[in-house]
Amino acid sequence: MTQTITVIRGDGIGPEIMDATLYVLDALKVGLAYEEADAGLVALEKHGDLLPQATLDSIRKNGVALKSPLTTPVGEGFSSINVALRRHFDLYANVRPAKSFPNTKSRFPSGVDLITVRENTEGAYIGEGQSISEDGETALLTQKITRKGSDRIVRYAYDLARKTGRKKVTIVHKANILKTTSGLFLKVAREVAAQYPDIQTNEMIVDNTCMQLVMRPEQFDIIVTTNLFGDIISDLCAGLVGGLGLAPGANIGVDAAIFEAVHGSAPDIAGKGVANPCALLLGAAQMLDHLGQPEKAERLRAAIIATLDAKDSLTPDLGGEGTTMSFAKAIASRV
């Protein structure tokens, strides 16, 4: 039975890494059909809208999308496309694994294998209630944290721990200072944690978390936190394992899910055929897990690791002289 997914090629290097990713997925014989949809600058040029209704309809119909990086114009009154997608489909769980890979520019060649689970639909990152005084001297921002939002993201993290055999969840907060918002998140997180006695629970203030990640990342298994903290922490974790070129992300809701590379569209190297497709490939592996194909997902991850280990056709950012597609073909040969 063929599963249709929405494919968003994106901007900059997006089409190149998407071509590479679909090539590998086809070699893996995962039984997917692709329905293409536009978003980002290409959509603005073609349809006059960064996020056309037809794209939203496609994602709603298929329930799953694979997305390359999108560009939101800066300083022109446009809102973030990624935030709009997350809010439109209530994609409340942002899941970003960080794992050590061979032959990468990592601060920790081994020992990093963690997942950041970030609340995706509320908190300071959403930018609600922004205002500035008439004299331009004072800016305000409202931060909203709800019991519902806190409960479901923490529950997602503990369920993920059980599902993947992980043993510890670290609840990251700033309740010592942000006593209402972060305080509510921590209170709800403790209530949820008590329902999972088989999973070890740890609590950590966000600033200490950042220090501990740099010093001893091996102590972490799953981190669960609010939106803005999770945005910062997950990029820090990517830095531990070689950068955003190895950083995938999943945005999960009840009725839809979007899988992506979390790096930008890199317009400076667009069209040169040297972009690293690993982040989107790893996002595709998350998608296969979501679609009930964990064996294929593991085969894909193993092929990426084997190709990195063999230094076969690596792209320049990984120290090689390969192209986006030659790297993809090397991975495809190992799936």
C-alpha atoms as a PDB file:
ATOM      1  CA  MET A   1       0.000   0.000   0.000  1.00  0.00           C
ATOM      2  CA  THR A   2       1.479   3.344  -1.064  1.00  0.00           C
ATOM      3  CA  GLN A   3       1.565   6.253   1.370  1.00  0.00           C
ATOM      4  CA  THR A   4       1.422   9.727  -0.172  1.00  0.00           C
ATOM      5  CA  ILE A   5       3.410  12.455   1.551  1.00  0.00           C
ATOM      6  CA  THR A   6       3.608  16.174   0.834  1.00  0.00           C
ATOM      7  CA  VAL A   7       7.048  17.245  -0.413  1.00  0.00           C
ATOM      8  CA  ILE A   8       8.127  20.870  -0.007  1.00  0.00           C
ATOM      9  CA  ARG A   9      11.380  21.497  -1.877  1.00  0.00           C
ATOM     10  CA  GLY A  10      11.970  24.866  -0.260  1.00  0.00           C
ATOM     11  CA  ASP A  11      14.475  27.611  -1.018  1.00  0.00           C
ATOM     12  CA  GLY A  12      18.217  27.899  -1.598  1.00  0.00           C
ATOM     13  CA  ILE A  13      19.794  24.463  -1.304  1.00  0.00           C
ATOM     14  CA  GLY A  14      16.389  22.969  -0.507  1.00  0.00           C
ATOM     15  CA  PRO A  15      15.640  21.471  -3.943  1.00  0.00           C
ATOM     16  CA  GLU A  16      19.127  19.900  -4.123  1.00  0.00           C
ATOM     17  CA  ILE A  17      18.979  18.159  -0.770  1.00  0.00           C
ATOM     18  CA  MET A  18      15.378  17.111  -1.419  1.00  0.00           C
ATOM     19  CA  ASP A  19      16.378  15.471  -4.717  1.00  0.00           C
ATOM     20  CA  ALA A  20      19.145  13.630  -2.872  1.00  0.00           C
ATOM     21  CA  THR A  21      16.813  12.535  -0.081  1.00  0.00           C
ATOM     22  CA  LEU A  22      14.104  11.250  -2.404  1.00  0.00           C
ATOM     23  CA  TYR A  23      16.769   9.356  -4.373  1.00  0.00           C
ATOM     24  CA  VAL A  24      17.821   7.514  -1.224  1.00  0.00           C
ATOM     25  CA  LEU A  25      14.210   6.882  -0.129  1.00  0.00           C
ATOM     26  CA  ASP A  26      13.438   5.382  -3.530  1.00  0.00           C
ATOM     27  CA  ALA A  27      16.492   3.122  -3.244  1.00  0.00           C
ATOM     28  CA  LEU A  28      15.232   2.048   0.167  1.00  0.00           C
ATOM     29  CA  LYS A  29      11.893   1.062  -1.403  1.00  0.00           C
ATOM     30  CA  VAL A  30       9.734   2.591   1.316  1.00  0.00           C
ATOM     31  CA  GLY A  31       6.549   2.684  -0.770  1.00  0.00           C
ATOM     32  CA  LEU A  32       6.012   6.433  -0.775  1.00  0.00           C
ATOM     33  CA  ALA A  33       4.356   8.634  -3.382  1.00  0.00           C
ATOM     34  CA  TYR A  34       5.191  12.327  -3.465  1.00  0.00           C
ATOM     35  CA  GLU A  35       2.783  15.228  -3.825  1.00  0.00           C
ATOM     36  CA  GLU A  36       4.746  18.416  -4.390  1.00  0.00           C
ATOM     37  CA  ALA A  37       3.712  21.698  -2.811  1.00  0.00           C
ATOM     38  CA  ASP A  38       5.284  25.162  -2.631  1.00  0.00           C
ATOM     39  CA  ALA A  39       6.242  27.301   0.341  1.00  0.00           C
ATOM     40  CA  GLY A  40       8.757  30.050   1.001  1.00  0.00           C
ATOM     41  CA  LEU A  41      10.225  32.442  -1.543  1.00  0.00           C
ATOM     42  CA  VAL A  42       9.441  30.163  -4.470  1.00  0.00           C
ATOM     43  CA  ALA A  43       5.782  30.155  -3.408  1.00  0.00           C
ATOM     44  CA  LEU A  44       5.799  33.950  -3.024  1.00  0.00           C
ATOM     45  CA  GLU A  45       7.117  34.319  -6.554  1.00  0.00           C
ATOM     46  CA  LYS A  46       4.726  31.760  -8.085  1.00  0.00           C
ATOM     47  CA  HIS A  47       1.569  32.320  -6.038  1.00  0.00           C
ATOM     48  CA  GLY A  48       2.035  35.637  -4.230  1.00  0.00           C
ATOM     49  CA  ASP A  49       1.944  33.876  -0.857  1.00  0.00           C
ATOM     50  CA  LEU A  50       4.695  32.382   1.310  1.00  0.00           C
ATOM     51  CA  LEU A  51       2.345  29.626   2.442  1.00  0.00           C
ATOM     52  CA  PRO A  52      -0.398  28.994  -0.140  1.00  0.00           C
ATOM     53  CA  GLN A  53      -3.707  27.439   0.836  1.00  0.00           C
ATOM     54  CA  ALA A  54      -3.040  24.587  -1.604  1.00  0.00           C
ATOM     55  CA  THR A  55       0.034  23.633   0.428  1.00  0.00           C
ATOM     56  CA  LEU A  56      -1.923  23.629   3.676  1.00  0.00           C
ATOM     57  CA  ASP A  57      -4.609  21.518   2.015  1.00  0.00           C
ATOM     58  CA  SER A  58      -2.024  19.005   0.805  1.00  0.00           C
ATOM     59  CA  ILE A  59      -0.506  18.592   4.265  1.00  0.00           C
ATOM     60  CA  ARG A  60      -3.944  18.251   5.832  1.00  0.00           C
ATOM     61  CA  LYS A  61      -4.951  15.606   3.299  1.00  0.00           C
ATOM     62  CA  ASN A  62      -1.766  13.531   3.499  1.00  0.00           C
ATOM     63  CA  GLY A  63      -1.035  14.027   7.190  1.00  0.00           C
ATOM     64  CA  VAL A  64       2.735  13.909   6.623  1.00  0.00           C
ATOM     65  CA  ALA A  65       5.148  16.342   4.968  1.00  0.00           C
ATOM     66  CA  LEU A  66       8.878  16.288   4.258  1.00  0.00           C
ATOM     67  CA  LYS A  67      10.193  19.842   4.104  1.00  0.00           C
ATOM     68  CA  SER A  68      13.432  21.443   2.963  1.00  0.00           C
ATOM     69  CA  PRO A  69      14.537  24.781   4.475  1.00  0.00           C
ATOM     70  CA  LEU A  70      12.336  27.789   3.768  1.00  0.00           C
ATOM     71  CA  THR A  71      13.288  31.457   3.649  1.00  0.00           C
ATOM     72  CA  THR A  72      11.089  34.046   5.368  1.00  0.00           C
ATOM     73  CA  PRO A  73      11.975  37.548   4.087  1.00  0.00           C
ATOM     74  CA  VAL A  74      13.546  39.636   6.840  1.00  0.00           C
ATOM     75  CA  GLY A  75      12.237  43.093   7.687  1.00  0.00           C
ATOM     76  CA  GLU A  76       9.336  43.040   5.249  1.00  0.00           C
ATOM     77  CA  GLY A  77       6.461  42.311   7.617  1.00  0.00           C
ATOM     78  CA  PHE A  78       6.353  38.569   6.964  1.00  0.00           C
ATOM     79  CA  SER A  79       5.789  36.132   9.816  1.00  0.00           C
ATOM     80  CA  SER A  80       7.847  32.948  10.191  1.00  0.00           C
ATOM     81  CA  ILE A  81       6.575  30.223   7.862  1.00  0.00           C
ATOM     82  CA  ASN A  82       7.722  27.493  10.233  1.00  0.00           C
ATOM     83  CA  VAL A  83       5.872  29.028  13.165  1.00  0.00           C
ATOM     84  CA  ALA A  84       2.779  29.418  10.985  1.00  0.00           C
ATOM     85  CA  LEU A  85       2.881  25.730   9.993  1.00  0.00           C
ATOM     86  CA  ARG A  86       3.311  24.596  13.579  1.00  0.00           C
ATOM     87  CA  ARG A  87       0.415  26.698  14.828  1.00  0.00           C
ATOM     88  CA  HIS A  88      -1.887  25.947  11.887  1.00  0.00           C
ATOM     89  CA  PHE A  89      -1.615  22.176  12.379  1.00  0.00           C
ATOM     90  CA  ASP A  90      -1.040  22.310  16.164  1.00  0.00           C
ATOM     91  CA  LEU A  91       2.299  20.521  15.803  1.00  0.00           C
ATOM     92  CA  TYR A  92       2.961  20.713  19.503  1.00  0.00           C
ATOM     93  CA  ALA A  93       6.020  18.440  19.755  1.00  0.00           C
ATOM     94  CA  ASN A  94       9.337  19.416  18.206  1.00  0.00           C
ATOM     95  CA  VAL A  95      11.693  16.429  18.374  1.00  0.00           C
ATOM     96  CA  ARG A  96      15.377  16.935  17.612  1.00  0.00           C
ATOM     97  CA  PRO A  97      17.887  14.122  18.102  1.00  0.00           C
ATOM     98  CA  ALA A  98      21.613  14.832  18.415  1.00  0.00           C
ATOM     99  CA  LYS A  99      23.929  11.873  17.926  1.00  0.00           C
ATOM    100  CA  SER A 100      27.674  11.539  17.424  1.00  0.00           C
ATOM    101  CA  PHE A 101      28.657  10.476  13.904  1.00  0.00           C
ATOM    102  CA  PRO A 102      32.043   9.262  12.650  1.00  0.00           C
ATOM    103  CA  ASN A 103      34.407  11.583  10.783  1.00  0.00           C
ATOM    104  CA  THR A 104      32.557  14.772  11.617  1.00  0.00           C
ATOM    105  CA  LYS A 105      33.786  18.006  13.136  1.00  0.00           C
ATOM    106  CA  SER A 106      32.396  17.135  16.528  1.00  0.00           C
ATOM    107  CA  ARG A 107      33.523  18.368  19.915  1.00  0.00           C
ATOM    108  CA  PHE A 108      32.646  14.917  21.199  1.00  0.00           C
ATOM    109  CA  PRO A 109      33.604  12.137  18.736  1.00  0.00           C
ATOM    110  CA  SER A 110      31.492   9.704  20.743  1.00  0.00           C
ATOM    111  CA  GLY A 111      29.162   9.707  23.708  1.00  0.00           C
ATOM    112  CA  VAL A 112      26.451  12.120  22.541  1.00  0.00           C
ATOM    113  CA  ASP A 113      23.093  10.473  21.921  1.00  0.00           C
ATOM    114  CA  LEU A 114      20.217  12.589  23.174  1.00  0.00           C
ATOM    115  CA  ILE A 115      16.876  13.992  22.082  1.00  0.00           C
ATOM    116  CA  THR A 116      15.465  17.454  22.771  1.00  0.00           C
ATOM    117  CA  VAL A 117      11.672  17.489  23.001  1.00  0.00           C
ATOM    118  CA  ARG A 118      10.509  21.071  22.730  1.00  0.00           C
ATOM    119  CA  GLU A 119       7.019  22.487  23.190  1.00  0.00           C
ATOM    120  CA  ASN A 120       6.212  23.987  19.805  1.00  0.00           C
ATOM    121  CA  THR A 121       3.053  26.110  19.986  1.00  0.00           C
ATOM    122  CA  GLU A 122       3.240  28.497  22.940  1.00  0.00           C
ATOM    123  CA  GLY A 123       5.710  30.425  25.103  1.00  0.00           C
ATOM    124  CA  ALA A 124       7.963  33.384  24.298  1.00  0.00           C
ATOM    125  CA  TYR A 125       9.143  31.988  20.950  1.00  0.00           C
ATOM    126  CA  ILE A 126       5.668  32.452  19.445  1.00  0.00           C
ATOM    127  CA  GLY A 127       5.989  36.212  19.891  1.00  0.00           C
ATOM    128  CA  GLU A 128       2.450  36.906  21.101  1.00  0.00           C
ATOM    129  CA  GLY A 129       1.526  40.260  22.568  1.00  0.00           C
ATOM    130  CA  GLN A 130       4.453  42.202  21.156  1.00  0.00           C
ATOM    131  CA  SER A 131       4.223  45.951  21.470  1.00  0.00           C
ATOM    132  CA  ILE A 132       6.493  48.964  21.587  1.00  0.00           C
ATOM    133  CA  SER A 133       5.865  52.329  23.178  1.00  0.00           C
ATOM    134  CA  GLU A 134       5.190  55.413  21.077  1.00  0.00           C
ATOM    135  CA  ASP A 135       8.616  56.807  21.874  1.00  0.00           C
ATOM    136  CA  GLY A 136      10.276  53.532  20.874  1.00  0.00           C
ATOM    137  CA  GLU A 137      11.987  53.218  24.249  1.00  0.00           C
ATOM    138  CA  THR A 138      10.085  50.273  25.698  1.00  0.00           C
ATOM    139  CA  ALA A 139       9.196  46.923  24.141  1.00  0.00           C
ATOM    140  CA  LEU A 140       6.869  44.326  25.634  1.00  0.00           C
ATOM    141  CA  LEU A 141       6.219  40.658  24.978  1.00  0.00           C
ATOM    142  CA  THR A 142       3.588  38.392  26.498  1.00  0.00           C
ATOM    143  CA  GLN A 143       4.560  34.804  27.298  1.00  0.00           C
ATOM    144  CA  LYS A 144       1.770  32.265  27.668  1.00  0.00           C
ATOM    145  CA  ILE A 145       2.270  28.794  29.155  1.00  0.00           C
ATOM    146  CA  THR A 146      -0.759  26.542  29.660  1.00  0.00           C
ATOM    147  CA  ARG A 147      -1.393  23.424  31.678  1.00  0.00           C
ATOM    148  CA  LYS A 148      -2.609  21.644  28.545  1.00  0.00           C
ATOM    149  CA  GLY A 149       0.468  22.570  26.533  1.00  0.00           C
ATOM    150  CA  SER A 150       2.817  21.596  29.346  1.00  0.00           C
ATOM    151  CA  ASP A 151       1.063  18.311  30.072  1.00  0.00           C
ATOM    152  CA  ARG A 152       1.019  17.041  26.508  1.00  0.00           C
ATOM    153  CA  ILE A 153       4.652  17.885  25.702  1.00  0.00           C
ATOM    154  CA  VAL A 154       5.984  16.326  28.898  1.00  0.00           C
ATOM    155  CA  ARG A 155       3.787  13.275  28.388  1.00  0.00           C
ATOM    156  CA  TYR A 156       5.095  13.019  24.821  1.00  0.00           C
ATOM    157  CA  ALA A 157       8.677  13.023  26.132  1.00  0.00           C
ATOM    158  CA  TYR A 158       8.009  10.237  28.645  1.00  0.00           C
ATOM    159  CA  ASP A 159       6.096   8.170  26.100  1.00  0.00           C
ATOM    160  CA  LEU A 160       9.000   8.618  23.682  1.00  0.00           C
ATOM    161  CA  ALA A 161      11.404   7.428  26.367  1.00  0.00           C
ATOM    162  CA  ARG A 162       9.370   4.259  26.862  1.00  0.00           C
ATOM    163  CA  LYS A 163       8.979   3.673  23.134  1.00  0.00           C
ATOM    164  CA  THR A 164      12.678   4.079  22.370  1.00  0.00           C
ATOM    165  CA  GLY A 165      14.052   2.379  25.476  1.00  0.00           C
ATOM    166  CA  ARG A 166      15.577   5.501  26.941  1.00  0.00           C
ATOM    167  CA  LYS A 167      15.939   5.650  30.697  1.00  0.00           C
ATOM    168  CA  LYS A 168      15.981   9.301  31.764  1.00  0.00           C
ATOM    169  CA  VAL A 169      14.066  12.514  31.107  1.00  0.00           C
ATOM    170  CA  THR A 170      15.523  15.855  32.164  1.00  0.00           C
ATOM    171  CA  ILE A 171      12.948  18.594  32.753  1.00  0.00           C
ATOM    172  CA  VAL A 172      14.553  21.937  31.873  1.00  0.00           C
ATOM    173  CA  HIS A 173      13.070  25.157  33.267  1.00  0.00           C
ATOM    174  CA  LYS A 174      13.720  28.575  34.802  1.00  0.00           C
ATOM    175  CA  ALA A 175      11.138  28.368  37.557  1.00  0.00           C
ATOM    176  CA  ASN A 176      13.461  29.981  40.079  1.00  0.00           C
ATOM    177  CA  ILE A 177      13.004  33.311  38.245  1.00  0.00           C
ATOM    178  CA  LEU A 178      10.021  32.890  35.909  1.00  0.00           C
ATOM    179  CA  LYS A 179       7.848  31.702  38.746  1.00  0.00           C
ATOM    180  CA  THR A 180       4.488  31.852  36.966  1.00  0.00           C
ATOM    181  CA  THR A 181       5.208  30.618  33.435  1.00  0.00           C
ATOM    182  CA  SER A 182       8.179  28.321  33.924  1.00  0.00           C
ATOM    183  CA  GLY A 183       6.797  27.551  37.367  1.00  0.00           C
ATOM    184  CA  LEU A 184       3.573  26.184  35.889  1.00  0.00           C
ATOM    185  CA  PHE A 185       5.537  24.129  33.360  1.00  0.00           C
ATOM    186  CA  LEU A 186       7.655  22.586  36.125  1.00  0.00           C
ATOM    187  CA  LYS A 187       4.622  21.895  38.336  1.00  0.00           C
ATOM    188  CA  VAL A 188       2.792  20.085  35.539  1.00  0.00           C
ATOM    189  CA  ALA A 189       5.972  18.252  34.492  1.00  0.00           C
ATOM    190  CA  ARG A 190       6.373  16.889  38.029  1.00  0.00           C
ATOM    191  CA  GLU A 191       2.781  15.668  38.011  1.00  0.00           C
ATOM    192  CA  VAL A 192       3.291  13.859  34.710  1.00  0.00           C
ATOM    193  CA  ALA A 193       6.662  12.437  35.749  1.00  0.00           C
ATOM    194  CA  ALA A 194       5.055  10.802  38.789  1.00  0.00           C
ATOM    195  CA  GLN A 195       2.975   8.694  36.390  1.00  0.00           C
ATOM    196  CA  TYR A 196       6.132   7.189  34.828  1.00  0.00           C
ATOM    197  CA  PRO A 197       7.974   5.544  37.744  1.00  0.00           C
ATOM    198  CA  ASP A 198       9.974   3.374  35.321  1.00  0.00           C
ATOM    199  CA  ILE A 199      11.678   6.461  33.831  1.00  0.00           C
ATOM    200  CA  GLN A 200      14.297   8.352  35.814  1.00  0.00           C
ATOM    201  CA  THR A 201      13.473  12.046  36.168  1.00  0.00           C
ATOM    202  CA  ASN A 202      15.926  14.885  36.594  1.00  0.00           C
ATOM    203  CA  GLU A 203      15.229  18.627  36.892  1.00  0.00           C
ATOM    204  CA  MET A 204      17.692  21.265  35.728  1.00  0.00           C
ATOM    205  CA  ILE A 205      17.663  25.044  35.365  1.00  0.00           C
ATOM    206  CA  VAL A 206      18.236  26.069  31.756  1.00  0.00           C
ATOM    207  CA  ASP A 207      21.524  27.911  32.258  1.00  0.00           C
ATOM    208  CA  ASN A 208      23.032  24.979  34.143  1.00  0.00           C
ATOM    209  CA  THR A 209      21.712  22.686  31.409  1.00  0.00           C
ATOM    210  CA  CYS A 210      23.710  24.576  28.787  1.00  0.00           C
ATOM    211  CA  MET A 211      26.872  24.327  30.887  1.00  0.00           C
ATOM    212  CA  GLN A 212      26.359  20.637  31.595  1.00  0.00           C
ATOM    213  CA  LEU A 213      25.722  19.886  27.907  1.00  0.00           C
ATOM    214  CA  VAL A 214      29.090  21.394  27.025  1.00  0.00           C
ATOM    215  CA  MET A 215      30.912  19.640  29.865  1.00  0.00           C
ATOM    216  CA  ARG A 216      29.240  16.219  30.096  1.00  0.00           C
ATOM    217  CA  PRO A 217      26.619  15.664  27.384  1.00  0.00           C
ATOM    218  CA  GLU A 218      26.615  11.928  28.023  1.00  0.00           C
ATOM    219  CA  GLN A 219      24.550  12.491  31.176  1.00  0.00           C
ATOM    220  CA  PHE A 220      21.497  13.432  29.080  1.00  0.00           C
ATOM    221  CA  ASP A 221      19.039  11.095  27.407  1.00  0.00           C
ATOM    222  CA  ILE A 222      15.829  13.039  26.687  1.00  0.00           C
ATOM    223  CA  ILE A 223      15.451  16.740  27.470  1.00  0.00           C
ATOM    224  CA  VAL A 224      11.958  18.236  27.635  1.00  0.00           C
ATOM    225  CA  THR A 225      11.425  21.968  27.862  1.00  0.00           C
ATOM    226  CA  THR A 226       9.479  25.008  26.700  1.00  0.00           C
ATOM    227  CA  ASN A 227       9.625  26.557  23.246  1.00  0.00           C
ATOM    228  CA  LEU A 228      12.323  29.234  23.478  1.00  0.00           C
ATOM    229  CA  PHE A 229      14.609  27.202  25.742  1.00  0.00           C
ATOM    230  CA  GLY A 230      14.233  24.217  23.441  1.00  0.00           C
ATOM    231  CA  ASP A 231      15.110  26.290  20.386  1.00  0.00           C
ATOM    232  CA  ILE A 232      18.385  27.356  21.988  1.00  0.00           C
ATOM    233  CA  ILE A 233      19.261  24.014  23.575  1.00  0.00           C
ATOM    234  CA  SER A 234      18.628  21.975  20.430  1.00  0.00           C
ATOM    235  CA  ASP A 235      21.019  24.158  18.409  1.00  0.00           C
ATOM    236  CA  LEU A 236      23.601  23.830  21.164  1.00  0.00           C
ATOM    237  CA  CYS A 237      23.207  20.054  20.951  1.00  0.00           C
ATOM    238  CA  ALA A 238      23.680  20.180  17.179  1.00  0.00           C
ATOM    239  CA  GLY A 239      26.947  22.004  17.805  1.00  0.00           C
ATOM    240  CA  LEU A 240      28.121  19.142  19.991  1.00  0.00           C
ATOM    241  CA  VAL A 241      27.850  16.652  17.132  1.00  0.00           C
ATOM    242  CA  GLY A 242      29.160  18.612  14.172  1.00  0.00           C
ATOM    243  CA  GLY A 243      26.637  21.326  13.411  1.00  0.00           C
ATOM    244  CA  LEU A 244      23.233  21.859  11.850  1.00  0.00           C
ATOM    245  CA  GLY A 245      24.212  19.859   8.778  1.00  0.00           C
ATOM    246  CA  LEU A 246      23.567  16.773  10.895  1.00  0.00           C
ATOM    247  CA  ALA A 247      20.480  18.063  12.694  1.00  0.00           C
ATOM    248  CA  PRO A 248      17.022  16.760  11.738  1.00  0.00           C
ATOM    249  CA  GLY A 249      13.737  17.803  13.266  1.00  0.00           C
ATOM    250  CA  ALA A 250      10.222  16.440  13.561  1.00  0.00           C
ATOM    251  CA  ASN A 251       7.123  18.533  14.269  1.00  0.00           C
ATOM    252  CA  ILE A 252       4.389  16.241  15.554  1.00  0.00           C
ATOM    253  CA  GLY A 253       0.698  16.872  16.107  1.00  0.00           C
ATOM    254  CA  VAL A 254      -2.382  14.726  16.465  1.00  0.00           C
ATOM    255  CA  ASP A 255      -3.475  14.996  12.834  1.00  0.00           C
ATOM    256  CA  ALA A 256      -0.303  15.993  10.979  1.00  0.00           C
ATOM    257  CA  ALA A 257       3.479  15.799  11.149  1.00  0.00           C
ATOM    258  CA  ILE A 258       6.214  17.688   9.304  1.00  0.00           C
ATOM    259  CA  PHE A 259       9.799  16.421   9.072  1.00  0.00           C
ATOM    260  CA  GLU A 260      12.680  18.670   8.132  1.00  0.00           C
ATOM    261  CA  ALA A 261      16.298  19.683   8.121  1.00  0.00           C
ATOM    262  CA  VAL A 262      16.602  22.368  10.761  1.00  0.00           C
ATOM    263  CA  HIS A 263      19.394  24.306   9.077  1.00  0.00           C
ATOM    264  CA  GLY A 264      18.790  27.275   6.805  1.00  0.00           C
ATOM    265  CA  SER A 265      18.491  27.563   3.047  1.00  0.00           C
ATOM    266  CA  ALA A 266      22.194  28.508   2.600  1.00  0.00           C
ATOM    267  CA  PRO A 267      21.743  30.731  -0.478  1.00  0.00           C
ATOM    268  CA  ASP A 268      25.520  31.253  -0.699  1.00  0.00           C
ATOM    269  CA  ILE A 269      26.022  27.660  -1.901  1.00  0.00           C
ATOM    270  CA  ALA A 270      22.686  27.130  -3.644  1.00  0.00           C
ATOM    271  CA  GLY A 271      23.039  25.635  -7.112  1.00  0.00           C
ATOM    272  CA  LYS A 272      26.635  24.513  -6.575  1.00  0.00           C
ATOM    273  CA  GLY A 273      25.712  20.903  -5.817  1.00  0.00           C
ATOM    274  CA  VAL A 274      27.815  20.706  -2.657  1.00  0.00           C
ATOM    275  CA  ALA A 275      25.154  20.890   0.080  1.00  0.00           C
ATOM    276  CA  ASN A 276      25.177  18.182   2.728  1.00  0.00           C
ATOM    277  CA  PRO A 277      21.836  16.269   2.624  1.00  0.00           C
ATOM    278  CA  CYS A 278      22.328  14.429   5.934  1.00  0.00           C
ATOM    279  CA  ALA A 279      19.984  16.567   8.039  1.00  0.00           C
ATOM    280  CA  LEU A 280      17.062  16.060   5.668  1.00  0.00           C
ATOM    281  CA  LEU A 281      17.895  12.356   5.291  1.00  0.00           C
ATOM    282  CA  LEU A 282      17.861  11.995   9.074  1.00  0.00           C
ATOM    283  CA  GLY A 283      14.552  13.877   9.131  1.00  0.00           C
ATOM    284  CA  ALA A 284      13.282  11.352   6.592  1.00  0.00           C
ATOM    285  CA  ALA A 285      14.368   8.575   8.982  1.00  0.00           C
ATOM    286  CA  GLN A 286      12.243  10.189  11.690  1.00  0.00           C
ATOM    287  CA  MET A 287       9.384  10.260   9.196  1.00  0.00           C
ATOM    288  CA  LEU A 288       9.777   6.523   8.518  1.00  0.00           C
ATOM    289  CA  ASP A 289       9.594   5.849  12.255  1.00  0.00           C
ATOM    290  CA  HIS A 290       6.401   7.898  12.372  1.00  0.00           C
ATOM    291  CA  LEU A 291       4.957   5.968   9.424  1.00  0.00           C
ATOM    292  CA  GLY A 292       5.527   2.638  11.148  1.00  0.00           C
ATOM    293  CA  GLN A 293       8.653   1.646   9.235  1.00  0.00           C
ATOM    294  CA  PRO A 294      11.289   1.579  11.996  1.00  0.00           C
ATOM    295  CA  GLU A 295      13.348  -1.119  10.275  1.00  0.00           C
ATOM    296  CA  LYS A 296      13.694   1.031   7.153  1.00  0.00           C
ATOM    297  CA  ALA A 297      14.498   4.043   9.338  1.00  0.00           C
ATOM    298  CA  GLU A 298      17.338   2.158  11.023  1.00  0.00           C
ATOM    299  CA  ARG A 299      18.655   0.953   7.662  1.00  0.00           C
ATOM    300  CA  LEU A 300      18.763   4.551   6.486  1.00  0.00           C
ATOM    301  CA  ARG A 301      20.594   5.741   9.595  1.00  0.00           C
ATOM    302  CA  ALA A 302      23.033   2.832   9.374  1.00  0.00           C
ATOM    303  CA  ALA A 303      23.758   3.643   5.714  1.00  0.00           C
ATOM    304  CA  ILE A 304      24.500   7.276   6.597  1.00  0.00           C
ATOM    305  CA  ILE A 305      26.857   6.201   9.394  1.00  0.00           C
ATOM    306  CA  ALA A 306      28.600   3.650   7.168  1.00  0.00           C
ATOM    307  CA  THR A 307      29.114   6.239   4.428  1.00  0.00           C
ATOM    308  CA  LEU A 308      30.514   8.773   6.877  1.00  0.00           C
ATOM    309  CA  ASP A 309      32.749   6.100   8.371  1.00  0.00           C
ATOM    310  CA  ALA A 310      34.069   5.157   4.924  1.00  0.00           C
ATOM    311  CA  LYS A 311      34.570   8.824   3.993  1.00  0.00           C
ATOM    312  CA  ASP A 312      32.838   7.983   0.731  1.00  0.00           C
ATOM    313  CA  SER A 313      31.924  10.989  -1.441  1.00  0.00           C
ATOM    314  CA  LEU A 314      31.572  13.312   1.546  1.00  0.00           C
ATOM    315  CA  THR A 315      30.534  16.877   0.821  1.00  0.00           C
ATOM    316  CA  PRO A 316      33.050  19.695   1.463  1.00  0.00           C
ATOM    317  CA  ASP A 317      31.596  20.646   4.857  1.00  0.00           C
ATOM    318  CA  LEU A 318      32.427  17.089   5.982  1.00  0.00           C
ATOM    319  CA  GLY A 319      35.963  17.288   4.639  1.00  0.00           C
ATOM    320  CA  GLY A 320      35.379  15.550   1.312  1.00  0.00           C
ATOM    321  CA  GLU A 321      35.185  16.478  -2.353  1.00  0.00           C
ATOM    322  CA  GLY A 322      31.836  14.881  -3.171  1.00  0.00           C
ATOM    323  CA  THR A 323      28.669  16.487  -4.437  1.00  0.00           C
ATOM    324  CA  THR A 324      25.219  16.420  -2.904  1.00  0.00           C
ATOM    325  CA  MET A 325      24.115  13.711  -5.301  1.00  0.00           C
ATOM    326  CA  SER A 326      27.323  11.637  -5.254  1.00  0.00           C
ATOM    327  CA  PHE A 327      27.057  11.555  -1.457  1.00  0.00           C
ATOM    328  CA  ALA A 328      23.416  10.507  -1.732  1.00  0.00           C
ATOM    329  CA  LYS A 329      24.311   7.751  -4.196  1.00  0.00           C
ATOM    330  CA  ALA A 330      26.987   6.475  -1.831  1.00  0.00           C
ATOM    331  CA  ILE A 331      24.401   6.299   0.956  1.00  0.00           C
ATOM    332  CA  ALA A 332      21.841   4.691  -1.349  1.00  0.00           C
ATOM    333  CA  SER A 333      24.329   1.965  -2.247  1.00  0.00           C
ATOM    334  CA  ARG A 334      24.422   0.952   1.426  1.00  0.00           C
ATOM    335  CA  VAL A 335      20.701   0.897   2.269  1.00  0.00           C
END
